[in-house]
Amino acid sequence: ALLEAQAGPTADVFRAFALRLDHAYAPG
């Protein structure tokens, strides 16, 4: 149940970064 419930929120987090997918917070 926990894995099933987490899938949607995880996808939402990555969609929130849609314009910054190639961003890294520091070199390397």
PDB file of all heavy atoms in Angstrom:
ATOM      1  N   ALA A   1       0.835  -1.212   0.000  1.00  0.00           N
ATOM      2  CA  ALA A   1       0.000   0.000   0.000  1.00  0.00           C
ATOM      3  C   ALA A   1       0.863   1.253   0.000  1.00  0.00           C
ATOM      4  O   ALA A   1       0.543   2.235  -0.676  1.00  0.00           O
ATOM      5  CB  ALA A   1      -0.930  -0.014   1.212  1.00  0.00           C
ATOM      6  N   LEU A   2       1.962   1.229   0.736  1.00  0.00           N
ATOM      7  CA  LEU A   2       2.847   2.390   0.800  1.00  0.00           C
ATOM      8  C   LEU A   2       3.514   2.661  -0.546  1.00  0.00           C
ATOM      9  O   LEU A   2       3.590   3.810  -0.986  1.00  0.00           O
ATOM     10  CB  LEU A   2       3.908   2.179   1.885  1.00  0.00           C
ATOM     11  CG  LEU A   2       3.391   2.127   3.319  1.00  0.00           C
ATOM     12  CD1 LEU A   2       4.471   1.603   4.269  1.00  0.00           C
ATOM     13  CD2 LEU A   2       2.905   3.491   3.760  1.00  0.00           C
ATOM     14  N   LEU A   3       3.982   1.617  -1.209  1.00  0.00           N
ATOM     15  CA  LEU A   3       4.603   1.787  -2.531  1.00  0.00           C
ATOM     16  C   LEU A   3       3.581   2.271  -3.552  1.00  0.00           C
ATOM     17  O   LEU A   3       3.878   3.140  -4.371  1.00  0.00           O
ATOM     18  CB  LEU A   3       5.232   0.473  -3.002  1.00  0.00           C
ATOM     19  CG  LEU A   3       6.544   0.073  -2.342  1.00  0.00           C
ATOM     20  CD1 LEU A   3       6.884  -1.374  -2.665  1.00  0.00           C
ATOM     21  CD2 LEU A   3       7.669   1.004  -2.762  1.00  0.00           C
ATOM     22  N   GLU A   4       2.389   1.721  -3.493  1.00  0.00           N
ATOM     23  CA  GLU A   4       1.342   2.142  -4.426  1.00  0.00           C
ATOM     24  C   GLU A   4       0.970   3.601  -4.202  1.00  0.00           C
ATOM     25  O   GLU A   4       0.835   4.374  -5.149  1.00  0.00           O
ATOM     26  CB  GLU A   4       0.113   1.246  -4.267  1.00  0.00           C
ATOM     27  CG  GLU A   4      -0.935   1.463  -5.314  1.00  0.00           C
ATOM     28  CD  GLU A   4      -2.026   0.415  -5.277  1.00  0.00           C
ATOM     29  OE1 GLU A   4      -2.042  -0.442  -4.381  1.00  0.00           O
ATOM     30  OE2 GLU A   4      -2.882   0.464  -6.179  1.00  0.00           O
ATOM     31  N   ALA A   5       0.847   3.995  -2.943  1.00  0.00           N
ATOM     32  CA  ALA A   5       0.467   5.372  -2.620  1.00  0.00           C
ATOM     33  C   ALA A   5       1.559   6.379  -2.978  1.00  0.00           C
ATOM     34  O   ALA A   5       1.266   7.532  -3.284  1.00  0.00           O
ATOM     35  CB  ALA A   5       0.127   5.482  -1.131  1.00  0.00           C
ATOM     36  N   GLN A   6       2.821   5.974  -2.959  1.00  0.00           N
ATOM     37  CA  GLN A   6       3.928   6.895  -3.218  1.00  0.00           C
ATOM     38  C   GLN A   6       4.114   7.203  -4.702  1.00  0.00           C
ATOM     39  O   GLN A   6       4.665   8.248  -5.050  1.00  0.00           O
ATOM     40  CB  GLN A   6       5.236   6.319  -2.655  1.00  0.00           C
ATOM     41  CG  GLN A   6       6.422   7.247  -2.747  1.00  0.00           C
ATOM     42  CD  GLN A   6       6.274   8.477  -1.878  1.00  0.00           C
ATOM     43  OE1 GLN A   6       6.041   8.370  -0.691  1.00  0.00           O
ATOM     44  NE2 GLN A   6       6.385   9.647  -2.472  1.00  0.00           N
ATOM     45  N   ALA A   7       3.659   6.337  -5.569  1.00  0.00           N
ATOM     46  CA  ALA A   7       3.938   6.497  -7.009  1.00  0.00           C
ATOM     47  C   ALA A   7       3.422   7.822  -7.563  1.00  0.00           C
ATOM     48  O   ALA A   7       4.148   8.516  -8.281  1.00  0.00           O
ATOM     49  CB  ALA A   7       3.362   5.317  -7.788  1.00  0.00           C
ATOM     50  N   GLY A   8       2.197   8.190  -7.260  1.00  0.00           N
ATOM     51  CA  GLY A   8       1.638   9.448  -7.772  1.00  0.00           C
ATOM     52  C   GLY A   8       2.373  10.670  -7.257  1.00  0.00           C
ATOM     53  O   GLY A   8       2.778  11.532  -8.062  1.00  0.00           O
ATOM     54  N   PRO A   9       2.563  10.781  -5.950  1.00  0.00           N
ATOM     55  CA  PRO A   9       3.316  11.930  -5.434  1.00  0.00           C
ATOM     56  C   PRO A   9       4.745  12.022  -5.981  1.00  0.00           C
ATOM     57  O   PRO A   9       5.240  13.123  -6.235  1.00  0.00           O
ATOM     58  CB  PRO A   9       3.310  11.707  -3.919  1.00  0.00           C
ATOM     59  CG  PRO A   9       2.052  10.938  -3.670  1.00  0.00           C
ATOM     60  CD  PRO A   9       1.921  10.027  -4.865  1.00  0.00           C
ATOM     61  N   THR A  10       5.399  10.900  -6.186  1.00  0.00           N
ATOM     62  CA  THR A  10       6.743  10.934  -6.756  1.00  0.00           C
ATOM     63  C   THR A  10       6.711  11.501  -8.171  1.00  0.00           C
ATOM     64  O   THR A  10       7.516  12.371  -8.528  1.00  0.00           O
ATOM     65  CB  THR A  10       7.380   9.536  -6.738  1.00  0.00           C
ATOM     66  OG1 THR A  10       7.592   9.154  -5.372  1.00  0.00           O
ATOM     67  CG2 THR A  10       8.717   9.504  -7.479  1.00  0.00           C
ATOM     68  N   ALA A  11       5.768  11.040  -8.975  1.00  0.00           N
ATOM     69  CA  ALA A  11       5.634  11.574 -10.335  1.00  0.00           C
ATOM     70  C   ALA A  11       5.350  13.070 -10.299  1.00  0.00           C
ATOM     71  O   ALA A  11       5.915  13.835 -11.093  1.00  0.00           O
ATOM     72  CB  ALA A  11       4.534  10.827 -11.084  1.00  0.00           C
ATOM     73  N   ASP A  12       4.513  13.507  -9.366  1.00  0.00           N
ATOM     74  CA  ASP A  12       4.200  14.934  -9.242  1.00  0.00           C
ATOM     75  C   ASP A  12       5.440  15.760  -8.917  1.00  0.00           C
ATOM     76  O   ASP A  12       5.619  16.863  -9.443  1.00  0.00           O
ATOM     77  CB  ASP A  12       3.137  15.164  -8.166  1.00  0.00           C
ATOM     78  CG  ASP A  12       1.772  14.616  -8.565  1.00  0.00           C
ATOM     79  OD1 ASP A  12       1.545  14.334  -9.766  1.00  0.00           O
ATOM     80  OD2 ASP A  12       0.926  14.455  -7.652  1.00  0.00           O
ATOM     81  N   VAL A  13       6.295  15.230  -8.050  1.00  0.00           N
ATOM     82  CA  VAL A  13       7.528  15.945  -7.696  1.00  0.00           C
ATOM     83  C   VAL A  13       8.377  16.150  -8.947  1.00  0.00           C
ATOM     84  O   VAL A  13       8.874  17.257  -9.202  1.00  0.00           O
ATOM     85  CB  VAL A  13       8.323  15.187  -6.611  1.00  0.00           C
ATOM     86  CG1 VAL A  13       9.749  15.730  -6.490  1.00  0.00           C
ATOM     87  CG2 VAL A  13       7.611  15.271  -5.271  1.00  0.00           C
ATOM     88  N   PHE A  14       8.544  15.107  -9.737  1.00  0.00           N
ATOM     89  CA  PHE A  14       9.388  15.245 -10.930  1.00  0.00           C
ATOM     90  C   PHE A  14       8.736  16.150 -11.973  1.00  0.00           C
ATOM     91  O   PHE A  14       9.431  16.906 -12.641  1.00  0.00           O
ATOM     92  CB  PHE A  14       9.762  13.870 -11.489  1.00  0.00           C
ATOM     93  CG  PHE A  14      10.839  13.222 -10.677  1.00  0.00           C
ATOM     94  CD1 PHE A  14      10.537  12.289  -9.698  1.00  0.00           C
ATOM     95  CD2 PHE A  14      12.171  13.585 -10.851  1.00  0.00           C
ATOM     96  CE1 PHE A  14      11.529  11.713  -8.921  1.00  0.00           C
ATOM     97  CE2 PHE A  14      13.170  13.026 -10.081  1.00  0.00           C
ATOM     98  CZ  PHE A  14      12.851  12.090  -9.118  1.00  0.00           C
ATOM     99  N   ARG A  15       7.429  16.117 -12.086  1.00  0.00           N
ATOM    100  CA  ARG A  15       6.746  17.028 -13.016  1.00  0.00           C
ATOM    101  C   ARG A  15       6.935  18.489 -12.591  1.00  0.00           C
ATOM    102  O   ARG A  15       6.995  19.376 -13.435  1.00  0.00           O
ATOM    103  CB  ARG A  15       5.276  16.675 -13.110  1.00  0.00           C
ATOM    104  CG  ARG A  15       5.013  15.462 -13.966  1.00  0.00           C
ATOM    105  CD  ARG A  15       3.530  15.260 -14.241  1.00  0.00           C
ATOM    106  NE  ARG A  15       3.339  14.040 -14.981  1.00  0.00           N
ATOM    107  CZ  ARG A  15       2.913  12.895 -14.446  1.00  0.00           C
ATOM    108  NH1 ARG A  15       2.591  12.831 -13.163  1.00  0.00           N
ATOM    109  NH2 ARG A  15       2.780  11.827 -15.192  1.00  0.00           N
ATOM    110  N   ALA A  16       7.050  18.724 -11.293  1.00  0.00           N
ATOM    111  CA  ALA A  16       7.277  20.091 -10.807  1.00  0.00           C
ATOM    112  C   ALA A  16       8.629  20.633 -11.270  1.00  0.00           C
ATOM    113  O   ALA A  16       8.828  21.842 -11.325  1.00  0.00           O
ATOM    114  CB  ALA A  16       7.186  20.136  -9.276  1.00  0.00           C
ATOM    115  N   PHE A  17       9.536  19.739 -11.616  1.00  0.00           N
ATOM    116  CA  PHE A  17      10.862  20.119 -12.102  1.00  0.00           C
ATOM    117  C   PHE A  17      10.947  20.104 -13.627  1.00  0.00           C
ATOM    118  O   PHE A  17      12.041  20.146 -14.186  1.00  0.00           O
ATOM    119  CB  PHE A  17      11.927  19.164 -11.549  1.00  0.00           C
ATOM    120  CG  PHE A  17      12.301  19.409 -10.123  1.00  0.00           C
ATOM    121  CD1 PHE A  17      11.702  18.687  -9.106  1.00  0.00           C
ATOM    122  CD2 PHE A  17      13.256  20.363  -9.800  1.00  0.00           C
ATOM    123  CE1 PHE A  17      12.054  18.903  -7.786  1.00  0.00           C
ATOM    124  CE2 PHE A  17      13.619  20.583  -8.481  1.00  0.00           C
ATOM    125  CZ  PHE A  17      13.006  19.851  -7.468  1.00  0.00           C
ATOM    126  N   ALA A  18       9.811  20.049 -14.307  1.00  0.00           N
ATOM    127  CA  ALA A  18       9.794  19.867 -15.761  1.00  0.00           C
ATOM    128  C   ALA A  18      10.680  20.857 -16.514  1.00  0.00           C
ATOM    129  O   ALA A  18      11.271  20.511 -17.537  1.00  0.00           O
ATOM    130  CB  ALA A  18       8.365  19.945 -16.286  1.00  0.00           C
ATOM    131  N   LEU A  19      10.796  22.075 -16.011  1.00  0.00           N
ATOM    132  CA  LEU A  19      11.614  23.083 -16.681  1.00  0.00           C
ATOM    133  C   LEU A  19      13.062  23.088 -16.200  1.00  0.00           C
ATOM    134  O   LEU A  19      13.886  23.864 -16.700  1.00  0.00           O
ATOM    135  CB  LEU A  19      10.997  24.475 -16.505  1.00  0.00           C
ATOM    136  CG  LEU A  19       9.592  24.633 -17.084  1.00  0.00           C
ATOM    137  CD1 LEU A  19       9.039  26.021 -16.772  1.00  0.00           C
ATOM    138  CD2 LEU A  19       9.600  24.361 -18.582  1.00  0.00           C
ATOM    139  N   ARG A  20      13.372  22.222 -15.220  1.00  0.00           N
ATOM    140  CA  ARG A  20      14.735  22.211 -14.650  1.00  0.00           C
ATOM    141  C   ARG A  20      15.266  20.783 -14.526  1.00  0.00           C
ATOM    142  O   ARG A  20      16.002  20.466 -13.611  1.00  0.00           O
ATOM    143  CB  ARG A  20      14.713  22.871 -13.272  1.00  0.00           C
ATOM    144  CG  ARG A  20      14.267  24.335 -13.342  1.00  0.00           C
ATOM    145  CD  ARG A  20      14.361  25.019 -12.022  1.00  0.00           C
ATOM    146  NE  ARG A  20      15.769  25.056 -11.618  1.00  0.00           N
ATOM    147  CZ  ARG A  20      16.157  25.075 -10.344  1.00  0.00           C
ATOM    148  NH1 ARG A  20      15.285  25.071  -9.372  1.00  0.00           N
ATOM    149  NH2 ARG A  20      17.426  25.116 -10.040  1.00  0.00           N
ATOM    150  N   LEU A  21      14.894  19.926 -15.448  1.00  0.00           N
ATOM    151  CA  LEU A  21      15.277  18.520 -15.361  1.00  0.00           C
ATOM    152  C   LEU A  21      16.782  18.301 -15.444  1.00  0.00           C
ATOM    153  O   LEU A  21      17.299  17.306 -14.937  1.00  0.00           O
ATOM    154  CB  LEU A  21      14.583  17.704 -16.451  1.00  0.00           C
ATOM    155  CG  LEU A  21      13.080  17.574 -16.292  1.00  0.00           C
ATOM    156  CD1 LEU A  21      12.485  16.901 -17.526  1.00  0.00           C
ATOM    157  CD2 LEU A  21      12.738  16.779 -15.038  1.00  0.00           C
ATOM    158  N   ASP A  22      17.479  19.200 -16.072  1.00  0.00           N
ATOM    159  CA  ASP A  22      18.920  19.040 -16.232  1.00  0.00           C
ATOM    160  C   ASP A  22      19.717  19.844 -15.207  1.00  0.00           C
ATOM    161  O   ASP A  22      20.928  20.019 -15.348  1.00  0.00           O
ATOM    162  CB  ASP A  22      19.319  19.395 -17.663  1.00  0.00           C
ATOM    163  CG  ASP A  22      18.661  18.438 -18.652  1.00  0.00           C
ATOM    164  OD1 ASP A  22      18.682  17.217 -18.404  1.00  0.00           O
ATOM    165  OD2 ASP A  22      18.104  18.913 -19.652  1.00  0.00           O
ATOM    166  N   HIS A  23      19.029  20.297 -14.175  1.00  0.00           N
ATOM    167  CA  HIS A  23      19.658  21.051 -13.090  1.00  0.00           C
ATOM    168  C   HIS A  23      20.281  20.102 -12.072  1.00  0.00           C
ATOM    169  O   HIS A  23      19.681  19.102 -11.684  1.00  0.00           O
ATOM    170  CB  HIS A  23      18.612  21.931 -12.395  1.00  0.00           C
ATOM    171  CG  HIS A  23      19.096  22.562 -11.134  1.00  0.00           C
ATOM    172  ND1 HIS A  23      20.039  23.564 -11.113  1.00  0.00           N
ATOM    173  CD2 HIS A  23      18.775  22.313  -9.835  1.00  0.00           C
ATOM    174  CE1 HIS A  23      20.275  23.908  -9.852  1.00  0.00           C
ATOM    175  NE2 HIS A  23      19.516  23.170  -9.065  1.00  0.00           N
ATOM    176  N   ALA A  24      21.483  20.419 -11.634  1.00  0.00           N
ATOM    177  CA  ALA A  24      22.139  19.746 -10.511  1.00  0.00           C
ATOM    178  C   ALA A  24      22.474  20.836  -9.497  1.00  0.00           C
ATOM    179  O   ALA A  24      22.832  21.955  -9.883  1.00  0.00           O
ATOM    180  CB  ALA A  24      23.402  19.037 -10.965  1.00  0.00           C
ATOM    181  N   TYR A  25      22.377  20.541  -8.230  1.00  0.00           N
ATOM    182  CA  TYR A  25      22.588  21.590  -7.225  1.00  0.00           C
ATOM    183  C   TYR A  25      24.048  21.960  -7.038  1.00  0.00           C
ATOM    184  O   TYR A  25      24.362  23.003  -6.455  1.00  0.00           O
ATOM    185  CB  TYR A  25      21.935  21.233  -5.886  1.00  0.00           C
ATOM    186  CG  TYR A  25      22.631  20.154  -5.088  1.00  0.00           C
ATOM    187  CD1 TYR A  25      23.644  20.473  -4.189  1.00  0.00           C
ATOM    188  CD2 TYR A  25      22.247  18.824  -5.205  1.00  0.00           C
ATOM    189  CE1 TYR A  25      24.276  19.492  -3.448  1.00  0.00           C
ATOM    190  CE2 TYR A  25      22.862  17.843  -4.458  1.00  0.00           C
ATOM    191  CZ  TYR A  25      23.873  18.177  -3.595  1.00  0.00           C
ATOM    192  OH  TYR A  25      24.497  17.204  -2.860  1.00  0.00           O
ATOM    193  N   ALA A  26      24.950  21.127  -7.558  1.00  0.00           N
ATOM    194  CA  ALA A  26      26.388  21.424  -7.465  1.00  0.00           C
ATOM    195  C   ALA A  26      27.104  20.639  -8.566  1.00  0.00           C
ATOM    196  O   ALA A  26      26.591  19.629  -9.051  1.00  0.00           O
ATOM    197  CB  ALA A  26      26.925  21.034  -6.092  1.00  0.00           C
ATOM    198  N   PRO A  27      28.307  21.100  -8.937  1.00  0.00           N
ATOM    199  CA  PRO A  27      29.069  20.342  -9.931  1.00  0.00           C
ATOM    200  C   PRO A  27      29.314  18.909  -9.443  1.00  0.00           C
ATOM    201  O   PRO A  27      29.586  18.673  -8.267  1.00  0.00           O
ATOM    202  CB  PRO A  27      30.384  21.118 -10.035  1.00  0.00           C
ATOM    203  CG  PRO A  27      30.045  22.505  -9.577  1.00  0.00           C
ATOM    204  CD  PRO A  27      28.978  22.327  -8.522  1.00  0.00           C
ATOM    205  N   GLY A  28      29.174  17.972 -10.350  1.00  0.00           N
ATOM    206  CA  GLY A  28      29.410  16.572 -10.014  1.00  0.00           C
ATOM    207  C   GLY A  28      28.221  15.864  -9.386  1.00  0.00           C
ATOM    208  O   GLY A  28      28.303  14.663  -9.113  1.00  0.00           O
TER     209      GLY A  28
END
